[in-house]
Amino acid sequence: MIYILPTDTCFWIACAFDDTNSYHQIYKIKNRPLEKPLAIMVESFEWLVKNTSLHDDQIYFLKKYPRPFTILTDCPYIEMILNLEQDDFQYENKEFYKKIAFRVAHNEIQKKLISEVWPIFLTSANFSWEKEIYSVDEAKKQFKLFKDIIFLWDNITLDNSIQPSDIFEFEGESSQNIKYLRQ
């Protein structure tokens, strides 16, 4: 199942982490190059503590970060799952996940979806190289031809003055050295 949902920036398109059919469908819908991995949204900072190589001061930094962000880090657990080879469960672009891009759920609709389908893959809900989408009407218009998409949250318009999330990774074990990929 594919979902359209609001984030702290724009609308995003998502699927359950273990739904490889929908995962590959998102790439087709968006005309997204396979070399561009999707982000993974998890339910909490505690999940990051338990499952990634982030250290306590880095988690503290993320909790206080003033803008929407995507953090790149190692995650042996996710890497192991991406590398599973089964007939009905395969990620054909797994070699592009050198570091995993994580976003942390920040509203109840995201947390509810994650609790129902486990962590979710997601990316902005727009066709590649086109503008981000900030209203439900715009999202429904853009994706009206795709019957299997579920729209979460009607009657919401996001603030289009909010810029896309900062994307960065920590260099080393402290929160002092940050490498920004987008700011």
N, C-alpha and C. Protein backbone atom coordinates (compact mmCIF):
# COMPACT_ATOMS: atom_id res chain seq x y z
N MET A 1 0.84 -1.17 0.00
CA MET A 1 0.00 0.00 0.00
C MET A 1 0.89 1.24 0.00
N ILE A 2 0.49 2.23 -0.75
CA ILE A 2 1.22 3.50 -0.83
C ILE A 2 0.38 4.58 -0.16
N TYR A 3 1.05 5.44 0.59
CA TYR A 3 0.37 6.50 1.35
C TYR A 3 0.93 7.87 0.95
N ILE A 4 0.06 8.87 1.00
CA ILE A 4 0.48 10.27 0.90
C ILE A 4 0.19 10.86 2.27
N LEU A 5 1.20 11.48 2.89
CA LEU A 5 1.01 12.03 4.22
C LEU A 5 1.79 13.32 4.40
N PRO A 6 1.32 14.17 5.31
CA PRO A 6 2.04 15.41 5.58
C PRO A 6 3.23 15.16 6.50
N THR A 7 4.28 15.93 6.29
CA THR A 7 5.42 15.90 7.21
C THR A 7 5.60 17.32 7.73
N ASP A 8 6.74 17.58 8.32
CA ASP A 8 7.02 18.92 8.82
C ASP A 8 7.50 19.85 7.72
N THR A 9 7.56 19.37 6.49
CA THR A 9 7.91 20.22 5.36
C THR A 9 6.77 20.20 4.34
N CYS A 10 6.71 19.17 3.52
CA CYS A 10 5.69 19.07 2.47
C CYS A 10 4.99 17.71 2.57
N PHE A 11 4.16 17.38 1.59
CA PHE A 11 3.56 16.04 1.56
C PHE A 11 4.60 15.05 1.04
N TRP A 12 4.53 13.85 1.61
CA TRP A 12 5.46 12.79 1.23
C TRP A 12 4.68 11.57 0.79
N ILE A 13 5.33 10.74 -0.02
CA ILE A 13 4.76 9.48 -0.46
C ILE A 13 5.53 8.38 0.27
N ALA A 14 4.80 7.38 0.77
CA ALA A 14 5.42 6.40 1.65
C ALA A 14 4.85 5.00 1.44
N CYS A 15 5.58 4.03 1.97
CA CYS A 15 5.10 2.64 2.00
C CYS A 15 5.74 1.95 3.20
N ALA A 16 5.15 0.84 3.58
CA ALA A 16 5.71 0.04 4.67
C ALA A 16 7.10 -0.44 4.28
N PHE A 17 7.96 -0.54 5.27
CA PHE A 17 9.34 -0.93 5.03
C PHE A 17 9.47 -2.29 4.36
N ASP A 18 8.57 -3.20 4.67
CA ASP A 18 8.68 -4.55 4.12
C ASP A 18 7.80 -4.78 2.89
N ASP A 19 7.26 -3.72 2.33
CA ASP A 19 6.41 -3.83 1.14
C ASP A 19 7.24 -3.47 -0.10
N THR A 20 8.00 -4.45 -0.59
CA THR A 20 8.91 -4.16 -1.71
C THR A 20 8.16 -3.83 -3.00
N ASN A 21 6.96 -4.36 -3.18
CA ASN A 21 6.20 -4.01 -4.39
C ASN A 21 5.87 -2.52 -4.40
N SER A 22 5.37 -2.00 -3.28
CA SER A 22 5.05 -0.57 -3.20
C SER A 22 6.32 0.27 -3.25
N TYR A 23 7.38 -0.22 -2.64
CA TYR A 23 8.69 0.46 -2.68
C TYR A 23 9.10 0.71 -4.13
N HIS A 24 9.07 -0.33 -4.94
CA HIS A 24 9.46 -0.19 -6.35
C HIS A 24 8.45 0.64 -7.12
N GLN A 25 7.18 0.56 -6.73
CA GLN A 25 6.14 1.37 -7.38
C GLN A 25 6.37 2.86 -7.15
N ILE A 26 6.83 3.24 -5.96
CA ILE A 26 7.13 4.65 -5.69
C ILE A 26 8.18 5.16 -6.66
N TYR A 27 9.21 4.37 -6.92
CA TYR A 27 10.23 4.77 -7.89
C TYR A 27 9.62 4.98 -9.27
N LYS A 28 8.74 4.09 -9.67
CA LYS A 28 8.10 4.22 -10.99
C LYS A 28 7.18 5.43 -11.05
N ILE A 29 6.34 5.62 -10.02
CA ILE A 29 5.41 6.74 -9.98
C ILE A 29 6.16 8.07 -10.09
N LYS A 30 7.21 8.21 -9.33
CA LYS A 30 7.96 9.47 -9.28
C LYS A 30 8.95 9.62 -10.43
N ASN A 31 9.20 8.54 -11.15
CA ASN A 31 10.26 8.53 -12.14
C ASN A 31 11.60 8.87 -11.47
N ARG A 32 11.80 8.24 -10.33
CA ARG A 32 12.97 8.50 -9.48
C ARG A 32 14.10 7.54 -9.85
N PRO A 33 15.30 8.04 -10.03
CA PRO A 33 16.43 7.15 -10.31
C PRO A 33 16.69 6.20 -9.14
N LEU A 34 16.99 4.96 -9.44
CA LEU A 34 17.26 3.96 -8.40
C LEU A 34 18.48 4.32 -7.56
N GLU A 35 19.35 5.18 -8.08
CA GLU A 35 20.55 5.58 -7.35
C GLU A 35 20.23 6.50 -6.18
N LYS A 36 18.99 6.96 -6.10
CA LYS A 36 18.58 7.86 -5.01
C LYS A 36 17.76 7.08 -3.99
N PRO A 37 18.39 6.63 -2.90
CA PRO A 37 17.66 5.86 -1.89
C PRO A 37 16.54 6.68 -1.25
N LEU A 38 15.55 5.99 -0.73
CA LEU A 38 14.47 6.64 0.01
C LEU A 38 14.88 6.79 1.47
N ALA A 39 14.28 7.75 2.14
CA ALA A 39 14.49 7.90 3.58
C ALA A 39 13.62 6.90 4.31
N ILE A 40 13.91 6.71 5.58
CA ILE A 40 13.11 5.84 6.43
C ILE A 40 12.64 6.67 7.62
N MET A 41 11.33 6.65 7.86
CA MET A 41 10.79 7.35 9.03
C MET A 41 10.57 6.33 10.13
N VAL A 42 11.10 6.65 11.31
CA VAL A 42 10.94 5.81 12.49
C VAL A 42 10.12 6.56 13.53
N GLU A 43 9.63 5.82 14.52
CA GLU A 43 8.67 6.41 15.45
C GLU A 43 9.27 7.34 16.49
N SER A 44 10.59 7.20 16.78
CA SER A 44 11.11 7.99 17.89
C SER A 44 12.63 8.08 17.86
N PHE A 45 13.13 9.00 18.67
CA PHE A 45 14.58 9.09 18.85
C PHE A 45 15.10 7.84 19.57
N GLU A 46 14.26 7.26 20.40
CA GLU A 46 14.66 6.04 21.11
C GLU A 46 14.96 4.92 20.12
N TRP A 47 14.19 4.86 19.03
CA TRP A 47 14.46 3.85 18.01
C TRP A 47 15.86 4.07 17.43
N LEU A 48 16.21 5.33 17.18
CA LEU A 48 17.54 5.64 16.66
C LEU A 48 18.63 5.22 17.66
N VAL A 49 18.39 5.45 18.94
CA VAL A 49 19.36 5.06 19.98
C VAL A 49 19.60 3.55 19.93
N LYS A 50 18.53 2.78 19.84
CA LYS A 50 18.63 1.32 19.89
C LYS A 50 19.21 0.70 18.62
N ASN A 51 19.01 1.34 17.47
CA ASN A 51 19.27 0.67 16.19
C ASN A 51 20.31 1.31 15.29
N THR A 52 20.86 2.45 15.67
CA THR A 52 21.85 3.10 14.81
C THR A 52 23.15 3.29 15.57
N SER A 53 24.13 3.84 14.88
CA SER A 53 25.43 4.09 15.50
C SER A 53 25.52 5.50 16.09
N LEU A 54 24.40 6.20 16.21
CA LEU A 54 24.40 7.54 16.79
C LEU A 54 24.70 7.48 18.29
N HIS A 55 25.48 8.45 18.78
CA HIS A 55 25.84 8.52 20.20
C HIS A 55 24.91 9.47 20.94
N ASP A 56 24.94 9.41 22.26
CA ASP A 56 24.02 10.18 23.10
C ASP A 56 24.04 11.67 22.79
N ASP A 57 25.23 12.26 22.64
CA ASP A 57 25.27 13.71 22.38
C ASP A 57 24.73 14.04 20.98
N GLN A 58 24.86 13.12 20.05
CA GLN A 58 24.29 13.33 18.72
C GLN A 58 22.77 13.27 18.77
N ILE A 59 22.22 12.33 19.53
CA ILE A 59 20.77 12.24 19.69
C ILE A 59 20.25 13.51 20.36
N TYR A 60 20.94 13.97 21.39
CA TYR A 60 20.54 15.21 22.08
C TYR A 60 20.54 16.38 21.08
N PHE A 61 21.57 16.47 20.26
CA PHE A 61 21.66 17.51 19.23
C PHE A 61 20.44 17.43 18.30
N LEU A 62 20.10 16.23 17.85
CA LEU A 62 18.96 16.05 16.94
C LEU A 62 17.64 16.46 17.61
N LYS A 63 17.47 16.11 18.86
CA LYS A 63 16.25 16.48 19.57
C LYS A 63 16.07 17.99 19.65
N LYS A 64 17.17 18.72 19.71
CA LYS A 64 17.13 20.19 19.84
C LYS A 64 17.28 20.91 18.50
N TYR A 65 17.49 20.15 17.43
CA TYR A 65 17.73 20.79 16.13
C TYR A 65 16.51 21.64 15.74
N PRO A 66 16.73 22.88 15.33
CA PRO A 66 15.61 23.82 15.15
C PRO A 66 14.81 23.68 13.86
N ARG A 67 15.29 22.90 12.93
CA ARG A 67 14.62 22.77 11.63
C ARG A 67 14.30 21.32 11.33
N PRO A 68 13.40 21.08 10.36
CA PRO A 68 13.21 19.70 9.90
C PRO A 68 14.55 19.14 9.39
N PHE A 69 14.81 17.88 9.68
CA PHE A 69 16.09 17.30 9.28
C PHE A 69 15.93 15.85 8.84
N THR A 70 16.90 15.42 8.09
CA THR A 70 17.11 14.02 7.73
C THR A 70 18.55 13.72 8.11
N ILE A 71 18.74 12.69 8.92
CA ILE A 71 20.07 12.34 9.39
C ILE A 71 20.54 11.06 8.70
N LEU A 72 21.74 11.10 8.17
CA LEU A 72 22.36 9.92 7.56
C LEU A 72 23.25 9.25 8.59
N THR A 73 23.09 7.95 8.74
CA THR A 73 23.91 7.22 9.71
C THR A 73 23.94 5.74 9.36
N ASP A 74 24.78 5.01 10.05
CA ASP A 74 24.83 3.56 9.89
C ASP A 74 23.70 2.93 10.69
N CYS A 75 23.18 1.83 10.15
CA CYS A 75 22.15 1.09 10.86
C CYS A 75 22.25 -0.38 10.43
N PRO A 76 23.05 -1.16 11.15
CA PRO A 76 23.23 -2.57 10.77
C PRO A 76 21.91 -3.34 10.63
N TYR A 77 20.95 -3.02 11.46
CA TYR A 77 19.66 -3.70 11.44
C TYR A 77 18.96 -3.50 10.09
N ILE A 78 18.86 -2.24 9.64
CA ILE A 78 18.22 -1.94 8.35
C ILE A 78 19.05 -2.49 7.20
N GLU A 79 20.37 -2.36 7.29
CA GLU A 79 21.24 -2.88 6.24
C GLU A 79 21.06 -4.38 6.06
N MET A 80 20.92 -5.10 7.17
CA MET A 80 20.71 -6.55 7.10
C MET A 80 19.40 -6.86 6.36
N ILE A 81 18.34 -6.14 6.68
CA ILE A 81 17.05 -6.39 6.03
C ILE A 81 17.11 -6.04 4.55
N LEU A 82 17.77 -4.94 4.21
CA LEU A 82 17.89 -4.56 2.80
C LEU A 82 18.62 -5.63 1.99
N ASN A 83 19.50 -6.36 2.63
CA ASN A 83 20.29 -7.36 1.93
C ASN A 83 19.66 -8.75 1.89
N LEU A 84 18.50 -8.91 2.48
CA LEU A 84 17.81 -10.19 2.38
C LEU A 84 17.48 -10.48 0.92
N GLU A 85 17.66 -11.70 0.53
CA GLU A 85 17.37 -12.10 -0.85
C GLU A 85 16.30 -13.18 -0.83
N GLN A 86 15.06 -12.78 -1.07
CA GLN A 86 13.97 -13.72 -1.19
C GLN A 86 13.18 -13.34 -2.43
N ASP A 87 12.46 -14.28 -2.98
CA ASP A 87 11.74 -14.04 -4.23
C ASP A 87 10.78 -12.86 -4.15
N ASP A 88 10.04 -12.76 -3.06
CA ASP A 88 9.02 -11.71 -2.96
C ASP A 88 9.46 -10.55 -2.07
N PHE A 89 10.73 -10.52 -1.70
CA PHE A 89 11.21 -9.50 -0.77
C PHE A 89 12.63 -9.13 -1.18
N GLN A 90 12.75 -8.16 -2.10
CA GLN A 90 14.06 -7.83 -2.62
C GLN A 90 14.12 -6.36 -3.00
N TYR A 91 15.21 -5.71 -2.62
CA TYR A 91 15.45 -4.31 -2.97
C TYR A 91 16.52 -4.27 -4.05
N GLU A 92 16.11 -3.96 -5.27
CA GLU A 92 17.06 -4.04 -6.38
C GLU A 92 18.12 -2.94 -6.35
N ASN A 93 17.96 -1.93 -5.51
CA ASN A 93 18.95 -0.85 -5.45
C ASN A 93 19.64 -0.78 -4.09
N LYS A 94 19.72 -1.88 -3.39
CA LYS A 94 20.27 -1.92 -2.03
C LYS A 94 21.71 -1.42 -1.96
N GLU A 95 22.47 -1.53 -3.03
CA GLU A 95 23.87 -1.09 -2.99
C GLU A 95 24.02 0.42 -2.84
N PHE A 96 22.94 1.16 -3.03
CA PHE A 96 23.00 2.62 -2.90
C PHE A 96 22.72 3.10 -1.48
N TYR A 97 22.43 2.18 -0.58
CA TYR A 97 22.18 2.52 0.82
C TYR A 97 23.48 2.38 1.62
N LYS A 98 24.45 3.24 1.33
CA LYS A 98 25.72 3.22 2.07
C LYS A 98 25.50 3.70 3.50
N LYS A 99 24.74 4.76 3.64
CA LYS A 99 24.27 5.27 4.93
C LYS A 99 22.75 5.34 4.79
N ILE A 100 22.04 5.20 5.89
CA ILE A 100 20.59 5.23 5.86
C ILE A 100 20.13 6.63 6.27
N ALA A 101 19.20 7.19 5.50
CA ALA A 101 18.63 8.51 5.78
C ALA A 101 17.39 8.32 6.65
N PHE A 102 17.42 8.89 7.86
CA PHE A 102 16.31 8.74 8.80
C PHE A 102 15.61 10.06 9.05
N ARG A 103 14.30 9.98 9.18
CA ARG A 103 13.47 11.06 9.70
C ARG A 103 12.72 10.48 10.89
N VAL A 104 12.43 11.32 11.86
CA VAL A 104 11.72 10.89 13.06
C VAL A 104 10.30 11.44 12.99
N ALA A 105 9.34 10.56 13.24
CA ALA A 105 7.93 10.97 13.22
C ALA A 105 7.72 12.10 14.20
N HIS A 106 6.92 13.07 13.80
CA HIS A 106 6.68 14.22 14.67
C HIS A 106 5.20 14.52 14.87
N ASN A 107 4.33 13.74 14.25
CA ASN A 107 2.90 13.95 14.51
C ASN A 107 2.20 12.59 14.67
N GLU A 108 0.99 12.64 15.15
CA GLU A 108 0.28 11.40 15.50
C GLU A 108 -0.05 10.54 14.28
N ILE A 109 -0.36 11.15 13.14
CA ILE A 109 -0.70 10.35 11.95
C ILE A 109 0.51 9.53 11.51
N GLN A 110 1.71 10.12 11.58
CA GLN A 110 2.93 9.38 11.23
C GLN A 110 3.18 8.26 12.22
N LYS A 111 3.06 8.57 13.50
CA LYS A 111 3.29 7.55 14.54
C LYS A 111 2.29 6.40 14.43
N LYS A 112 1.04 6.74 14.14
CA LYS A 112 0.01 5.70 13.99
C LYS A 112 0.31 4.80 12.79
N LEU A 113 0.68 5.40 11.66
CA LEU A 113 1.02 4.61 10.47
C LEU A 113 2.21 3.70 10.76
N ILE A 114 3.23 4.23 11.40
CA ILE A 114 4.41 3.43 11.72
C ILE A 114 4.04 2.30 12.68
N SER A 115 3.18 2.57 13.64
CA SER A 115 2.79 1.51 14.58
C SER A 115 2.01 0.40 13.88
N GLU A 116 1.34 0.74 12.78
CA GLU A 116 0.56 -0.26 12.04
C GLU A 116 1.39 -1.02 11.02
N VAL A 117 2.35 -0.37 10.39
CA VAL A 117 3.08 -1.02 9.29
C VAL A 117 4.59 -1.08 9.50
N TRP A 118 5.07 -0.66 10.67
CA TRP A 118 6.49 -0.64 11.00
C TRP A 118 7.15 0.55 10.33
N PRO A 119 8.46 0.75 10.47
CA PRO A 119 9.05 1.93 9.83
C PRO A 119 8.64 2.02 8.37
N ILE A 120 8.62 3.24 7.88
CA ILE A 120 8.16 3.45 6.51
C ILE A 120 9.25 4.08 5.66
N PHE A 121 9.31 3.65 4.40
CA PHE A 121 10.11 4.35 3.41
C PHE A 121 9.32 5.56 2.96
N LEU A 122 10.00 6.67 2.71
CA LEU A 122 9.29 7.83 2.21
C LEU A 122 10.21 8.78 1.47
N THR A 123 9.58 9.60 0.65
CA THR A 123 10.24 10.65 -0.12
C THR A 123 9.17 11.68 -0.46
N SER A 124 9.59 12.83 -0.90
CA SER A 124 8.60 13.87 -1.19
C SER A 124 7.61 13.40 -2.25
N ALA A 125 6.35 13.80 -2.08
CA ALA A 125 5.26 13.35 -2.97
C ALA A 125 5.15 14.30 -4.16
N ASN A 126 6.11 14.22 -5.00
CA ASN A 126 6.10 14.97 -6.25
C ASN A 126 6.87 14.15 -7.27
N PHE A 127 6.63 14.42 -8.52
CA PHE A 127 7.42 13.74 -9.54
C PHE A 127 8.84 14.29 -9.47
N SER A 128 9.81 13.45 -9.73
CA SER A 128 11.20 13.88 -9.64
C SER A 128 11.43 15.13 -10.46
N TRP A 129 12.18 16.04 -9.88
CA TRP A 129 12.56 17.32 -10.48
C TRP A 129 11.41 18.32 -10.60
N GLU A 130 10.31 18.06 -9.90
CA GLU A 130 9.22 19.03 -9.87
C GLU A 130 9.08 19.58 -8.45
N LYS A 131 8.30 20.65 -8.30
CA LYS A 131 8.15 21.31 -7.00
C LYS A 131 7.46 20.40 -5.98
N GLU A 132 7.76 20.67 -4.70
CA GLU A 132 7.14 19.95 -3.61
C GLU A 132 5.64 20.29 -3.56
N ILE A 133 4.87 19.40 -2.94
CA ILE A 133 3.42 19.57 -2.83
C ILE A 133 3.07 19.94 -1.40
N TYR A 134 2.22 20.98 -1.24
CA TYR A 134 1.87 21.49 0.08
C TYR A 134 0.38 21.42 0.41
N SER A 135 -0.46 20.95 -0.51
CA SER A 135 -1.90 20.86 -0.21
C SER A 135 -2.44 19.50 -0.64
N VAL A 136 -3.49 19.08 0.05
CA VAL A 136 -4.14 17.81 -0.28
C VAL A 136 -4.68 17.85 -1.70
N ASP A 137 -5.30 18.96 -2.09
CA ASP A 137 -5.86 19.07 -3.45
C ASP A 137 -4.78 18.90 -4.50
N GLU A 138 -3.63 19.52 -4.27
CA GLU A 138 -2.51 19.39 -5.20
C GLU A 138 -2.04 17.94 -5.27
N ALA A 139 -1.93 17.28 -4.11
CA ALA A 139 -1.48 15.89 -4.06
C ALA A 139 -2.47 14.98 -4.78
N LYS A 140 -3.77 15.18 -4.53
CA LYS A 140 -4.78 14.34 -5.18
C LYS A 140 -4.77 14.56 -6.69
N LYS A 141 -4.58 15.79 -7.12
CA LYS A 141 -4.51 16.09 -8.55
C LYS A 141 -3.29 15.40 -9.18
N GLN A 142 -2.16 15.49 -8.51
CA GLN A 142 -0.91 14.91 -9.03
C GLN A 142 -1.00 13.38 -9.13
N PHE A 143 -1.67 12.76 -8.15
CA PHE A 143 -1.67 11.31 -8.08
C PHE A 143 -3.04 10.68 -8.36
N LYS A 144 -3.92 11.41 -9.03
CA LYS A 144 -5.29 10.92 -9.25
C LYS A 144 -5.35 9.66 -10.11
N LEU A 145 -4.38 9.43 -10.96
CA LEU A 145 -4.40 8.25 -11.83
C LEU A 145 -3.98 6.97 -11.12
N PHE A 146 -3.45 7.10 -9.91
CA PHE A 146 -2.95 5.94 -9.18
C PHE A 146 -4.00 5.53 -8.15
N LYS A 147 -4.65 4.41 -8.39
CA LYS A 147 -5.80 4.00 -7.59
C LYS A 147 -5.46 3.45 -6.22
N ASP A 148 -4.28 2.92 -6.05
CA ASP A 148 -3.94 2.25 -4.80
C ASP A 148 -3.25 3.15 -3.78
N ILE A 149 -3.37 4.45 -3.92
CA ILE A 149 -2.75 5.39 -2.98
C ILE A 149 -3.78 5.81 -1.94
N ILE A 150 -3.38 5.76 -0.68
CA ILE A 150 -4.24 6.20 0.41
C ILE A 150 -3.75 7.57 0.87
N PHE A 151 -4.66 8.53 0.91
CA PHE A 151 -4.34 9.88 1.37
C PHE A 151 -4.66 9.96 2.86
N LEU A 152 -3.67 10.29 3.66
CA LEU A 152 -3.86 10.44 5.09
C LEU A 152 -3.94 11.93 5.40
N TRP A 153 -5.01 12.34 6.04
CA TRP A 153 -5.29 13.72 6.43
C TRP A 153 -5.89 14.52 5.30
N ASP A 154 -7.16 14.67 5.34
CA ASP A 154 -7.81 15.61 4.45
C ASP A 154 -7.82 16.97 5.13
N ASN A 155 -8.17 17.99 4.39
CA ASN A 155 -8.35 19.34 4.92
C ASN A 155 -7.13 19.89 5.64
N ILE A 156 -5.98 19.73 5.05
CA ILE A 156 -4.78 20.33 5.61
C ILE A 156 -3.98 20.94 4.47
N THR A 157 -3.43 22.09 4.72
CA THR A 157 -2.49 22.71 3.79
C THR A 157 -1.25 23.02 4.58
N LEU A 158 -0.12 22.65 4.05
CA LEU A 158 1.15 22.87 4.74
C LEU A 158 1.71 24.23 4.35
N ASP A 159 2.58 24.74 5.16
CA ASP A 159 3.20 26.04 4.95
C ASP A 159 4.29 25.91 3.88
N ASN A 160 4.02 26.46 2.69
CA ASN A 160 4.99 26.30 1.60
C ASN A 160 6.21 27.21 1.76
N SER A 161 6.27 27.98 2.84
CA SER A 161 7.47 28.78 3.09
C SER A 161 8.53 27.95 3.83
N ILE A 162 8.12 26.78 4.35
CA ILE A 162 9.09 25.91 5.03
C ILE A 162 9.93 25.22 3.97
N GLN A 163 11.21 25.38 4.08
CA GLN A 163 12.15 24.80 3.13
C GLN A 163 12.27 23.29 3.37
N PRO A 164 12.75 22.55 2.36
CA PRO A 164 13.00 21.12 2.56
C PRO A 164 13.94 20.89 3.74
N SER A 165 13.89 19.69 4.28
CA SER A 165 14.70 19.39 5.47
C SER A 165 16.18 19.52 5.18
N ASP A 166 16.92 19.86 6.24
CA ASP A 166 18.38 19.80 6.16
C ASP A 166 18.76 18.32 6.14
N ILE A 167 19.72 17.98 5.33
CA ILE A 167 20.23 16.61 5.28
C ILE A 167 21.69 16.66 5.69
N PHE A 168 22.03 15.86 6.69
CA PHE A 168 23.41 15.89 7.18
C PHE A 168 23.79 14.58 7.84
N GLU A 169 25.08 14.45 8.10
CA GLU A 169 25.59 13.32 8.87
C GLU A 169 26.67 13.83 9.81
N PHE A 170 26.87 13.11 10.88
CA PHE A 170 27.93 13.45 11.81
C PHE A 170 29.22 12.80 11.33
N GLU A 171 30.32 13.53 11.46
CA GLU A 171 31.63 12.95 11.16
C GLU A 171 32.30 12.64 12.49
N GLY A 172 32.44 11.38 12.78
CA GLY A 172 33.00 10.97 14.07
C GLY A 172 31.91 10.73 15.10
N GLU A 173 32.31 10.71 16.36
CA GLU A 173 31.41 10.33 17.44
C GLU A 173 30.79 11.50 18.18
N SER A 174 31.13 12.73 17.83
CA SER A 174 30.54 13.87 18.53
C SER A 174 29.52 14.56 17.62
N SER A 175 28.83 15.52 18.19
CA SER A 175 27.88 16.30 17.39
C SER A 175 28.49 17.58 16.88
N GLN A 176 29.79 17.76 17.09
CA GLN A 176 30.47 18.99 16.69
C GLN A 176 30.82 19.04 15.21
N ASN A 177 31.10 17.88 14.64
CA ASN A 177 31.51 17.83 13.23
C ASN A 177 30.36 17.33 12.38
N ILE A 178 29.79 18.23 11.60
CA ILE A 178 28.62 17.91 10.80
C ILE A 178 28.93 18.14 9.32
N LYS A 179 28.58 17.18 8.51
CA LYS A 179 28.73 17.31 7.07
C LYS A 179 27.33 17.47 6.50
N TYR A 180 27.02 18.64 5.95
CA TYR A 180 25.71 18.92 5.37
C TYR A 180 25.70 18.52 3.91
N LEU A 181 24.67 17.79 3.51
CA LEU A 181 24.46 17.48 2.11
C LEU A 181 23.45 18.45 1.51
N ARG A 182 22.56 18.98 2.36
CA ARG A 182 21.62 20.03 1.96
C ARG A 182 21.30 20.84 3.21
N GLN A 183 21.37 22.15 3.07
CA GLN A 183 21.06 23.02 4.20
C GLN A 183 20.32 24.24 3.71
